[in-house]
Amino acid sequence: MTALIVIVMIVLALAVSTFAARRMGYSGIGGDTIVRCRAGHLFTTLWVPGGSLKSIRLGMTRFQYCPVGRHWTLVTPVRGSELTDEERQFASQHHDTRVP
């Protein structure tokens, strides 16, 4: 029974964090999300709250490979309201490596 409670608490925490992130304007959280690396490059990545297969999670920041600058860096999600149409289009054309 204790394991079930722990699992329910984890799922609940992930659901609440996803909901909160979407309310703050991070529309792709829980799927394809536009992120910006430390060098300012924009690209799209799969962003799953509480999980990461190709990056190291550090809260709302992740350490992963930037396909635009071809370097390892810290990335953070970008609010959709902060982007121009051209930036959104550029990011959608540059996706990091998909997980098979």
N, C-alpha and C. Protein backbone atom coordinates (compact mmCIF):
# COMPACT_ATOMS: atom_id res chain seq x y z
N MET A 1 0.82 -1.20 0.00
CA MET A 1 0.00 0.00 0.00
C MET A 1 0.87 1.26 0.00
N THR A 2 1.99 1.24 0.70
CA THR A 2 2.87 2.40 0.77
C THR A 2 3.44 2.73 -0.60
N ALA A 3 3.82 1.71 -1.37
CA ALA A 3 4.36 1.94 -2.71
C ALA A 3 3.31 2.60 -3.60
N LEU A 4 2.07 2.19 -3.47
CA LEU A 4 0.99 2.77 -4.26
C LEU A 4 0.81 4.25 -3.92
N ILE A 5 0.90 4.60 -2.66
CA ILE A 5 0.78 5.99 -2.24
C ILE A 5 1.91 6.83 -2.82
N VAL A 6 3.12 6.28 -2.82
CA VAL A 6 4.28 6.99 -3.38
C VAL A 6 4.08 7.21 -4.88
N ILE A 7 3.63 6.20 -5.59
CA ILE A 7 3.39 6.33 -7.03
C ILE A 7 2.32 7.37 -7.31
N VAL A 8 1.24 7.34 -6.56
CA VAL A 8 0.17 8.32 -6.74
C VAL A 8 0.68 9.73 -6.46
N MET A 9 1.50 9.91 -5.45
CA MET A 9 2.06 11.22 -5.12
C MET A 9 2.97 11.73 -6.24
N ILE A 10 3.78 10.85 -6.83
CA ILE A 10 4.67 11.23 -7.92
C ILE A 10 3.86 11.65 -9.14
N VAL A 11 2.86 10.86 -9.50
CA VAL A 11 2.01 11.19 -10.65
C VAL A 11 1.29 12.50 -10.41
N LEU A 12 0.79 12.71 -9.22
CA LEU A 12 0.11 13.95 -8.88
C LEU A 12 1.05 15.15 -8.97
N ALA A 13 2.27 15.00 -8.47
CA ALA A 13 3.25 16.09 -8.54
C ALA A 13 3.60 16.42 -9.98
N LEU A 14 3.76 15.42 -10.83
CA LEU A 14 4.05 15.67 -12.24
C LEU A 14 2.88 16.36 -12.94
N ALA A 15 1.67 15.94 -12.63
CA ALA A 15 0.49 16.57 -13.23
C ALA A 15 0.37 18.03 -12.80
N VAL A 16 0.59 18.31 -11.54
CA VAL A 16 0.51 19.68 -11.04
C VAL A 16 1.60 20.55 -11.65
N SER A 17 2.83 20.02 -11.76
CA SER A 17 3.91 20.82 -12.34
C SER A 17 3.67 21.08 -13.82
N THR A 18 3.13 20.11 -14.55
CA THR A 18 2.80 20.31 -15.96
C THR A 18 1.71 21.37 -16.10
N PHE A 19 0.68 21.28 -15.29
CA PHE A 19 -0.41 22.26 -15.32
C PHE A 19 0.11 23.66 -14.99
N ALA A 20 0.95 23.76 -13.98
CA ALA A 20 1.49 25.08 -13.59
C ALA A 20 2.36 25.66 -14.70
N ALA A 21 3.20 24.82 -15.31
CA ALA A 21 4.06 25.31 -16.39
C ALA A 21 3.23 25.79 -17.57
N ARG A 22 2.17 25.08 -17.90
CA ARG A 22 1.31 25.51 -19.01
C ARG A 22 0.58 26.80 -18.67
N ARG A 23 0.18 26.98 -17.43
CA ARG A 23 -0.48 28.22 -17.01
C ARG A 23 0.47 29.41 -17.08
N MET A 24 1.78 29.14 -16.91
CA MET A 24 2.78 30.21 -16.97
C MET A 24 3.18 30.53 -18.41
N GLY A 25 2.62 29.80 -19.38
CA GLY A 25 2.89 30.11 -20.78
C GLY A 25 3.83 29.18 -21.49
N TYR A 26 4.27 28.12 -20.82
CA TYR A 26 5.14 27.14 -21.45
C TYR A 26 4.27 26.08 -22.10
N SER A 27 3.80 26.36 -23.31
CA SER A 27 2.77 25.55 -23.94
C SER A 27 3.20 24.14 -24.29
N GLY A 28 4.46 23.92 -24.55
CA GLY A 28 4.88 22.59 -25.00
C GLY A 28 5.27 21.64 -23.90
N ILE A 29 5.22 22.07 -22.66
CA ILE A 29 5.64 21.21 -21.55
C ILE A 29 4.79 19.94 -21.57
N GLY A 30 5.44 18.81 -21.57
CA GLY A 30 4.74 17.56 -21.68
C GLY A 30 4.74 17.05 -23.11
N GLY A 31 5.53 17.64 -23.96
CA GLY A 31 5.62 17.26 -25.37
C GLY A 31 6.74 18.05 -26.03
N ASP A 32 6.58 18.32 -27.33
CA ASP A 32 7.58 19.13 -28.03
C ASP A 32 7.54 20.56 -27.51
N THR A 33 8.67 21.03 -27.05
CA THR A 33 8.79 22.34 -26.42
C THR A 33 9.92 23.13 -27.05
N ILE A 34 9.68 24.43 -27.27
CA ILE A 34 10.75 25.30 -27.77
C ILE A 34 11.61 25.71 -26.59
N VAL A 35 12.93 25.51 -26.75
CA VAL A 35 13.88 25.86 -25.70
C VAL A 35 14.95 26.78 -26.28
N ARG A 36 15.63 27.48 -25.37
CA ARG A 36 16.75 28.36 -25.75
C ARG A 36 17.98 27.92 -24.97
N CYS A 37 19.10 27.78 -25.69
CA CYS A 37 20.33 27.41 -25.01
C CYS A 37 21.03 28.68 -24.50
N ARG A 38 22.08 28.51 -23.75
CA ARG A 38 22.82 29.64 -23.17
C ARG A 38 23.39 30.58 -24.23
N ALA A 39 23.65 30.04 -25.44
CA ALA A 39 24.19 30.87 -26.53
C ALA A 39 23.08 31.60 -27.29
N GLY A 40 21.81 31.34 -26.92
CA GLY A 40 20.69 32.03 -27.55
C GLY A 40 20.03 31.26 -28.68
N HIS A 41 20.51 30.06 -28.97
CA HIS A 41 19.93 29.27 -30.06
C HIS A 41 18.56 28.72 -29.65
N LEU A 42 17.62 28.74 -30.58
CA LEU A 42 16.29 28.19 -30.35
C LEU A 42 16.16 26.87 -31.09
N PHE A 43 15.55 25.88 -30.42
CA PHE A 43 15.23 24.63 -31.08
C PHE A 43 14.12 23.94 -30.30
N THR A 44 13.60 22.87 -30.88
CA THR A 44 12.51 22.12 -30.26
C THR A 44 13.06 20.83 -29.68
N THR A 45 12.56 20.47 -28.51
CA THR A 45 12.98 19.23 -27.86
C THR A 45 11.78 18.60 -27.18
N LEU A 46 11.87 17.32 -26.91
CA LEU A 46 10.83 16.64 -26.15
C LEU A 46 11.06 16.95 -24.67
N TRP A 47 10.06 17.54 -24.03
CA TRP A 47 10.19 17.96 -22.62
C TRP A 47 9.10 17.26 -21.82
N VAL A 48 9.51 16.28 -21.04
CA VAL A 48 8.57 15.54 -20.21
C VAL A 48 8.89 15.84 -18.75
N PRO A 49 7.94 16.44 -18.02
CA PRO A 49 8.20 16.74 -16.61
C PRO A 49 8.52 15.47 -15.83
N GLY A 50 9.59 15.52 -15.07
CA GLY A 50 9.97 14.40 -14.23
C GLY A 50 10.75 13.31 -14.93
N GLY A 51 11.00 13.47 -16.22
CA GLY A 51 11.73 12.44 -16.93
C GLY A 51 12.63 13.03 -18.00
N SER A 52 13.73 12.36 -18.25
CA SER A 52 14.61 12.79 -19.33
C SER A 52 15.50 11.62 -19.71
N LEU A 53 15.55 11.35 -21.01
CA LEU A 53 16.37 10.25 -21.50
C LEU A 53 17.64 10.75 -22.18
N LYS A 54 17.62 12.00 -22.63
CA LYS A 54 18.76 12.52 -23.40
C LYS A 54 19.31 13.80 -22.80
N SER A 55 18.99 14.08 -21.56
CA SER A 55 19.50 15.28 -20.90
C SER A 55 19.60 15.02 -19.40
N ILE A 56 20.25 15.96 -18.73
CA ILE A 56 20.34 15.92 -17.26
C ILE A 56 19.41 17.01 -16.73
N ARG A 57 18.42 16.60 -15.97
CA ARG A 57 17.43 17.54 -15.44
C ARG A 57 17.99 18.34 -14.28
N LEU A 58 17.73 19.64 -14.31
CA LEU A 58 18.11 20.55 -13.22
C LEU A 58 16.93 21.48 -12.96
N GLY A 59 15.78 20.93 -12.57
CA GLY A 59 14.57 21.72 -12.40
C GLY A 59 14.01 22.12 -13.75
N MET A 60 13.79 23.42 -13.96
CA MET A 60 13.28 23.90 -15.24
C MET A 60 14.41 24.14 -16.23
N THR A 61 15.61 23.73 -15.91
CA THR A 61 16.76 23.83 -16.80
C THR A 61 17.28 22.42 -17.05
N ARG A 62 17.80 22.19 -18.25
CA ARG A 62 18.37 20.89 -18.56
C ARG A 62 19.70 21.06 -19.26
N PHE A 63 20.59 20.13 -19.02
CA PHE A 63 21.88 20.10 -19.70
C PHE A 63 21.75 19.11 -20.84
N GLN A 64 21.82 19.59 -22.08
CA GLN A 64 21.68 18.71 -23.23
C GLN A 64 22.36 19.28 -24.45
N TYR A 65 22.37 18.52 -25.52
CA TYR A 65 23.03 18.91 -26.77
C TYR A 65 22.16 19.89 -27.54
N CYS A 66 22.77 20.98 -28.04
CA CYS A 66 22.09 21.98 -28.86
C CYS A 66 22.40 21.64 -30.33
N PRO A 67 21.38 21.26 -31.11
CA PRO A 67 21.62 20.90 -32.51
C PRO A 67 21.92 22.10 -33.40
N VAL A 68 21.59 23.30 -32.96
CA VAL A 68 21.85 24.50 -33.77
C VAL A 68 23.32 24.89 -33.67
N GLY A 69 23.82 25.02 -32.44
CA GLY A 69 25.21 25.41 -32.22
C GLY A 69 26.17 24.24 -32.14
N ARG A 70 25.60 23.03 -32.13
CA ARG A 70 26.39 21.80 -32.04
C ARG A 70 27.32 21.81 -30.83
N HIS A 71 26.71 22.03 -29.67
CA HIS A 71 27.48 22.05 -28.42
C HIS A 71 26.58 21.58 -27.27
N TRP A 72 27.20 21.18 -26.17
CA TRP A 72 26.47 20.81 -24.96
C TRP A 72 26.28 22.07 -24.13
N THR A 73 25.08 22.27 -23.60
CA THR A 73 24.76 23.50 -22.91
C THR A 73 23.55 23.34 -22.01
N LEU A 74 23.25 24.36 -21.23
CA LEU A 74 22.03 24.41 -20.45
C LEU A 74 20.92 25.00 -21.31
N VAL A 75 19.73 24.40 -21.26
CA VAL A 75 18.59 24.91 -22.02
C VAL A 75 17.42 25.12 -21.08
N THR A 76 16.57 26.08 -21.42
CA THR A 76 15.36 26.35 -20.66
C THR A 76 14.20 26.55 -21.62
N PRO A 77 12.99 26.19 -21.22
CA PRO A 77 11.83 26.40 -22.08
C PRO A 77 11.58 27.90 -22.27
N VAL A 78 11.00 28.24 -23.41
CA VAL A 78 10.69 29.63 -23.73
C VAL A 78 9.18 29.78 -23.81
N ARG A 79 8.65 30.83 -23.21
CA ARG A 79 7.22 31.10 -23.31
C ARG A 79 6.87 31.45 -24.76
N GLY A 80 5.76 30.91 -25.23
CA GLY A 80 5.32 31.18 -26.59
C GLY A 80 5.08 32.65 -26.85
N SER A 81 4.65 33.38 -25.86
CA SER A 81 4.36 34.81 -26.02
C SER A 81 5.62 35.64 -26.21
N GLU A 82 6.79 35.08 -25.89
CA GLU A 82 8.05 35.80 -26.02
C GLU A 82 8.69 35.63 -27.39
N LEU A 83 8.09 34.80 -28.25
CA LEU A 83 8.68 34.49 -29.54
C LEU A 83 7.95 35.15 -30.69
N THR A 84 8.70 35.51 -31.72
CA THR A 84 8.09 36.00 -32.95
C THR A 84 7.69 34.79 -33.79
N ASP A 85 6.90 35.01 -34.83
CA ASP A 85 6.53 33.91 -35.73
C ASP A 85 7.76 33.30 -36.39
N GLU A 86 8.73 34.15 -36.73
CA GLU A 86 9.95 33.67 -37.37
C GLU A 86 10.75 32.77 -36.42
N GLU A 87 10.80 33.16 -35.14
CA GLU A 87 11.53 32.36 -34.15
C GLU A 87 10.85 31.00 -33.95
N ARG A 88 9.50 31.01 -33.90
CA ARG A 88 8.77 29.75 -33.75
C ARG A 88 9.03 28.83 -34.94
N GLN A 89 9.03 29.41 -36.13
CA GLN A 89 9.26 28.62 -37.34
C GLN A 89 10.68 28.05 -37.34
N PHE A 90 11.66 28.88 -36.98
CA PHE A 90 13.05 28.42 -36.92
C PHE A 90 13.18 27.26 -35.93
N ALA A 91 12.61 27.42 -34.74
CA ALA A 91 12.70 26.38 -33.71
C ALA A 91 12.03 25.09 -34.17
N SER A 92 10.91 25.20 -34.87
CA SER A 92 10.22 23.99 -35.32
C SER A 92 11.01 23.26 -36.40
N GLN A 93 11.88 23.96 -37.10
CA GLN A 93 12.72 23.34 -38.13
C GLN A 93 13.99 22.73 -37.57
N HIS A 94 14.29 23.01 -36.30
CA HIS A 94 15.50 22.50 -35.65
C HIS A 94 15.10 21.72 -34.41
N HIS A 95 15.06 20.40 -34.54
CA HIS A 95 14.68 19.53 -33.43
C HIS A 95 15.89 18.72 -33.01
N ASP A 96 16.05 18.53 -31.71
CA ASP A 96 17.15 17.69 -31.26
C ASP A 96 16.88 16.24 -31.63
N THR A 97 17.81 15.38 -31.32
CA THR A 97 17.69 13.96 -31.66
C THR A 97 16.48 13.35 -30.97
N ARG A 98 15.67 12.69 -31.75
CA ARG A 98 14.51 12.02 -31.18
C ARG A 98 14.93 10.71 -30.52
N VAL A 99 14.20 10.35 -29.48
CA VAL A 99 14.45 9.09 -28.80
C VAL A 99 13.66 8.01 -29.53
N PRO A 100 14.30 6.92 -29.92
CA PRO A 100 13.58 5.87 -30.67
C PRO A 100 12.50 5.22 -29.85
